[in-house]
Amino acid sequence: MPPRRDGPAGSERRPVLDEVEFAGQEWAFRQVRGNDSGRSYLCPGCQQDVPASSAHTVAWPASSMSGVENRRHWHTTCWNARDRRRPGHAWA
């Protein structure tokens, strides 16, 4: 596994990120705690809701570190099984 590194320069909170090759490109990812925003996301691994209130994994192409629109919220178990759970276009 590649070494962990700090987040984008200039960010107030600098989360520690990991990177992995997936779907032919490098992806950055981090584990997030649940929050009370009331939002939910569609997991690209299983196509089911990921409530923001539950801990989960957020991943995005490493080449777009500041691209909020490229973030994908995964159930952590789905992210861990991403090589077996390729849904096609949902993560691209």
N, C-alpha and C. Protein backbone atom coordinates (compact mmCIF):
# COMPACT_ATOMS: atom_id res chain seq x y z
N MET A 1 0.85 -1.18 0.00
CA MET A 1 0.00 0.00 0.00
C MET A 1 0.89 1.24 0.00
N PRO A 2 0.55 2.25 -0.78
CA PRO A 2 1.35 3.48 -0.83
C PRO A 2 1.38 4.17 0.52
N PRO A 3 2.37 5.01 0.75
CA PRO A 3 2.45 5.73 2.03
C PRO A 3 1.30 6.73 2.18
N ARG A 4 0.94 6.97 3.41
CA ARG A 4 -0.09 7.95 3.71
C ARG A 4 0.50 9.34 3.58
N ARG A 5 -0.33 10.32 3.22
CA ARG A 5 0.16 11.68 3.06
C ARG A 5 -0.91 12.66 3.50
N ASP A 6 -0.48 13.90 3.68
CA ASP A 6 -1.42 14.95 4.08
C ASP A 6 -2.31 15.33 2.92
N GLY A 7 -3.40 16.00 3.24
CA GLY A 7 -4.36 16.45 2.23
C GLY A 7 -3.83 17.63 1.44
N PRO A 8 -4.70 18.24 0.62
CA PRO A 8 -4.29 19.34 -0.24
C PRO A 8 -3.71 20.50 0.56
N ALA A 9 -2.70 21.14 -0.02
CA ALA A 9 -2.08 22.30 0.63
C ALA A 9 -3.11 23.40 0.82
N GLY A 10 -3.04 24.06 1.94
CA GLY A 10 -3.94 25.18 2.19
C GLY A 10 -5.24 24.80 2.87
N SER A 11 -5.50 23.51 3.04
CA SER A 11 -6.75 23.13 3.70
C SER A 11 -6.58 23.32 5.21
N GLU A 12 -7.64 23.80 5.87
CA GLU A 12 -7.55 24.03 7.31
C GLU A 12 -7.38 22.71 8.05
N ARG A 13 -8.22 21.77 7.76
CA ARG A 13 -8.11 20.45 8.37
C ARG A 13 -7.44 19.56 7.34
N ARG A 14 -6.29 19.03 7.65
CA ARG A 14 -5.52 18.27 6.68
C ARG A 14 -5.67 16.78 6.98
N PRO A 15 -6.67 16.14 6.39
CA PRO A 15 -6.88 14.72 6.67
C PRO A 15 -5.76 13.87 6.07
N VAL A 16 -5.48 12.78 6.71
CA VAL A 16 -4.51 11.84 6.19
C VAL A 16 -5.23 11.00 5.14
N LEU A 17 -4.64 10.90 3.96
CA LEU A 17 -5.25 10.20 2.85
C LEU A 17 -4.45 8.97 2.49
N ASP A 18 -5.12 8.02 1.88
CA ASP A 18 -4.46 6.87 1.29
C ASP A 18 -4.74 6.93 -0.20
N GLU A 19 -3.92 6.26 -0.98
CA GLU A 19 -4.15 6.17 -2.42
C GLU A 19 -4.04 4.71 -2.84
N VAL A 20 -4.80 4.37 -3.88
CA VAL A 20 -4.80 3.02 -4.40
C VAL A 20 -5.13 3.09 -5.88
N GLU A 21 -4.62 2.14 -6.67
CA GLU A 21 -5.00 2.08 -8.08
C GLU A 21 -6.31 1.33 -8.18
N PHE A 22 -7.24 1.90 -8.91
CA PHE A 22 -8.56 1.31 -9.07
C PHE A 22 -9.14 1.80 -10.39
N ALA A 23 -9.72 0.92 -11.14
CA ALA A 23 -10.38 1.26 -12.41
C ALA A 23 -9.46 2.01 -13.36
N GLY A 24 -8.18 1.62 -13.36
CA GLY A 24 -7.23 2.19 -14.29
C GLY A 24 -6.68 3.55 -13.92
N GLN A 25 -6.93 4.02 -12.69
CA GLN A 25 -6.37 5.30 -12.27
C GLN A 25 -6.11 5.28 -10.77
N GLU A 26 -5.34 6.25 -10.31
CA GLU A 26 -5.06 6.38 -8.88
C GLU A 26 -6.23 7.06 -8.20
N TRP A 27 -6.67 6.52 -7.09
CA TRP A 27 -7.76 7.10 -6.29
C TRP A 27 -7.24 7.43 -4.90
N ALA A 28 -7.63 8.57 -4.39
CA ALA A 28 -7.38 8.94 -3.00
C ALA A 28 -8.64 8.58 -2.23
N PHE A 29 -8.47 8.19 -0.98
CA PHE A 29 -9.64 7.86 -0.18
C PHE A 29 -9.36 8.09 1.29
N ARG A 30 -10.43 8.24 2.03
CA ARG A 30 -10.32 8.37 3.48
C ARG A 30 -11.61 7.88 4.12
N GLN A 31 -11.46 7.48 5.35
CA GLN A 31 -12.60 7.04 6.15
C GLN A 31 -13.20 8.28 6.81
N VAL A 32 -14.51 8.38 6.82
CA VAL A 32 -15.17 9.51 7.47
C VAL A 32 -16.13 9.01 8.53
N ARG A 33 -16.26 9.80 9.58
CA ARG A 33 -17.23 9.49 10.63
C ARG A 33 -18.60 9.95 10.16
N GLY A 34 -19.61 9.40 10.76
CA GLY A 34 -20.96 9.85 10.45
C GLY A 34 -21.19 11.26 10.95
N ASN A 35 -22.15 11.96 10.34
CA ASN A 35 -22.50 13.30 10.78
C ASN A 35 -24.02 13.46 10.73
N ASP A 36 -24.50 14.55 11.20
CA ASP A 36 -25.94 14.76 11.27
C ASP A 36 -26.46 15.69 10.17
N SER A 37 -25.84 15.66 9.00
CA SER A 37 -26.26 16.55 7.91
C SER A 37 -27.60 16.15 7.31
N GLY A 38 -28.01 14.90 7.52
CA GLY A 38 -29.27 14.44 6.95
C GLY A 38 -29.16 14.00 5.50
N ARG A 39 -27.98 14.09 4.92
CA ARG A 39 -27.78 13.71 3.52
C ARG A 39 -27.66 12.20 3.39
N SER A 40 -27.80 11.74 2.18
CA SER A 40 -27.48 10.35 1.87
C SER A 40 -26.86 10.33 0.48
N TYR A 41 -26.11 9.28 0.22
CA TYR A 41 -25.37 9.14 -1.03
C TYR A 41 -25.67 7.77 -1.61
N LEU A 42 -25.40 7.58 -2.88
CA LEU A 42 -25.58 6.29 -3.52
C LEU A 42 -24.22 5.62 -3.61
N CYS A 43 -24.09 4.47 -2.96
CA CYS A 43 -22.83 3.72 -2.98
C CYS A 43 -22.63 3.15 -4.39
N PRO A 44 -21.48 3.44 -5.02
CA PRO A 44 -21.24 2.90 -6.35
C PRO A 44 -20.95 1.40 -6.34
N GLY A 45 -20.70 0.83 -5.17
CA GLY A 45 -20.41 -0.60 -5.09
C GLY A 45 -21.65 -1.47 -5.07
N CYS A 46 -22.70 -1.00 -4.39
CA CYS A 46 -23.91 -1.83 -4.26
C CYS A 46 -25.18 -1.12 -4.72
N GLN A 47 -25.05 0.15 -5.09
CA GLN A 47 -26.18 0.96 -5.54
C GLN A 47 -27.25 1.14 -4.46
N GLN A 48 -26.83 1.12 -3.19
CA GLN A 48 -27.73 1.34 -2.06
C GLN A 48 -27.35 2.65 -1.37
N ASP A 49 -28.28 3.19 -0.59
CA ASP A 49 -28.03 4.44 0.12
C ASP A 49 -26.93 4.29 1.17
N VAL A 50 -26.12 5.33 1.27
CA VAL A 50 -25.13 5.48 2.33
C VAL A 50 -25.56 6.72 3.11
N PRO A 51 -26.16 6.54 4.28
CA PRO A 51 -26.56 7.72 5.05
C PRO A 51 -25.32 8.43 5.60
N ALA A 52 -25.34 9.74 5.56
CA ALA A 52 -24.21 10.52 6.09
C ALA A 52 -24.00 10.24 7.57
N SER A 53 -25.03 9.77 8.24
CA SER A 53 -24.92 9.51 9.68
C SER A 53 -24.10 8.27 10.00
N SER A 54 -23.76 7.46 9.00
CA SER A 54 -22.95 6.27 9.26
C SER A 54 -21.52 6.49 8.77
N ALA A 55 -20.59 5.86 9.45
CA ALA A 55 -19.19 5.93 9.02
C ALA A 55 -19.09 5.26 7.66
N HIS A 56 -18.29 5.84 6.75
CA HIS A 56 -18.14 5.29 5.41
C HIS A 56 -16.84 5.77 4.79
N THR A 57 -16.59 5.41 3.56
CA THR A 57 -15.37 5.77 2.85
C THR A 57 -15.70 6.74 1.73
N VAL A 58 -14.91 7.79 1.60
CA VAL A 58 -15.04 8.73 0.50
C VAL A 58 -13.81 8.57 -0.38
N ALA A 59 -14.04 8.42 -1.70
CA ALA A 59 -12.95 8.22 -2.64
C ALA A 59 -13.13 9.14 -3.84
N TRP A 60 -12.01 9.54 -4.46
CA TRP A 60 -12.04 10.39 -5.64
C TRP A 60 -10.76 10.17 -6.42
N PRO A 61 -10.79 10.44 -7.74
CA PRO A 61 -9.56 10.31 -8.52
C PRO A 61 -8.47 11.22 -7.94
N ALA A 62 -7.29 10.68 -7.73
CA ALA A 62 -6.20 11.45 -7.10
C ALA A 62 -5.82 12.66 -7.94
N SER A 63 -6.07 12.62 -9.22
CA SER A 63 -5.72 13.74 -10.08
C SER A 63 -6.64 14.93 -9.88
N SER A 64 -7.73 14.77 -9.16
CA SER A 64 -8.68 15.87 -8.93
C SER A 64 -8.86 16.11 -7.44
N MET A 65 -7.76 16.36 -6.74
CA MET A 65 -7.78 16.50 -5.28
C MET A 65 -8.79 17.53 -4.79
N SER A 66 -9.06 18.56 -5.54
CA SER A 66 -10.00 19.56 -5.06
C SER A 66 -11.38 19.43 -5.70
N GLY A 67 -11.58 18.41 -6.52
CA GLY A 67 -12.84 18.26 -7.24
C GLY A 67 -13.92 17.60 -6.41
N VAL A 68 -14.71 18.40 -5.73
CA VAL A 68 -15.79 17.88 -4.88
C VAL A 68 -16.75 17.04 -5.71
N GLU A 69 -16.98 17.44 -6.96
CA GLU A 69 -17.94 16.72 -7.80
C GLU A 69 -17.48 15.31 -8.15
N ASN A 70 -16.20 15.00 -7.95
CA ASN A 70 -15.67 13.69 -8.27
C ASN A 70 -15.64 12.73 -7.08
N ARG A 71 -16.08 13.20 -5.91
CA ARG A 71 -16.07 12.33 -4.72
C ARG A 71 -17.18 11.31 -4.82
N ARG A 72 -16.89 10.11 -4.37
CA ARG A 72 -17.87 9.04 -4.28
C ARG A 72 -17.89 8.53 -2.85
N HIS A 73 -19.09 8.35 -2.34
CA HIS A 73 -19.28 7.85 -0.97
C HIS A 73 -19.64 6.37 -1.04
N TRP A 74 -18.81 5.56 -0.42
CA TRP A 74 -18.97 4.11 -0.45
C TRP A 74 -19.24 3.58 0.96
N HIS A 75 -20.01 2.51 1.07
CA HIS A 75 -20.00 1.73 2.31
C HIS A 75 -18.56 1.21 2.42
N THR A 76 -18.01 1.22 3.58
CA THR A 76 -16.62 0.78 3.74
C THR A 76 -16.45 -0.66 3.28
N THR A 77 -17.42 -1.52 3.56
CA THR A 77 -17.31 -2.92 3.10
C THR A 77 -17.33 -3.01 1.58
N CYS A 78 -18.09 -2.16 0.93
CA CYS A 78 -18.11 -2.14 -0.54
C CYS A 78 -16.78 -1.63 -1.09
N TRP A 79 -16.24 -0.57 -0.47
CA TRP A 79 -14.95 -0.05 -0.91
C TRP A 79 -13.87 -1.13 -0.77
N ASN A 80 -13.90 -1.84 0.34
CA ASN A 80 -12.91 -2.89 0.56
C ASN A 80 -13.04 -4.02 -0.46
N ALA A 81 -14.22 -4.19 -1.03
CA ALA A 81 -14.48 -5.24 -2.04
C ALA A 81 -14.60 -4.64 -3.44
N ARG A 82 -14.06 -3.45 -3.66
CA ARG A 82 -14.28 -2.72 -4.92
C ARG A 82 -13.85 -3.50 -6.15
N ASP A 83 -12.84 -4.33 -6.05
CA ASP A 83 -12.40 -5.09 -7.22
C ASP A 83 -13.40 -6.18 -7.62
N ARG A 84 -14.25 -6.55 -6.70
CA ARG A 84 -15.29 -7.55 -6.98
C ARG A 84 -16.65 -6.91 -7.19
N ARG A 85 -16.77 -5.61 -6.99
CA ARG A 85 -18.06 -4.93 -7.05
C ARG A 85 -18.04 -3.78 -8.03
N ARG A 86 -17.56 -3.99 -9.20
CA ARG A 86 -17.51 -2.92 -10.20
C ARG A 86 -18.87 -2.76 -10.86
N PRO A 87 -19.57 -1.70 -10.56
CA PRO A 87 -20.91 -1.52 -11.09
C PRO A 87 -20.98 -0.96 -12.49
N GLY A 88 -19.84 -0.70 -13.11
CA GLY A 88 -19.85 -0.16 -14.45
C GLY A 88 -19.59 1.33 -14.44
N HIS A 89 -20.59 2.14 -14.68
CA HIS A 89 -20.40 3.57 -14.85
C HIS A 89 -20.53 4.38 -13.57
N ALA A 90 -21.05 3.83 -12.51
CA ALA A 90 -21.37 4.62 -11.31
C ALA A 90 -20.14 5.24 -10.65
N TRP A 91 -18.98 4.64 -10.76
CA TRP A 91 -17.79 5.19 -10.11
C TRP A 91 -16.91 5.94 -11.08
N ALA A 92 -17.22 5.89 -12.33
CA ALA A 92 -16.35 6.55 -13.31
C ALA A 92 -16.62 8.04 -13.38
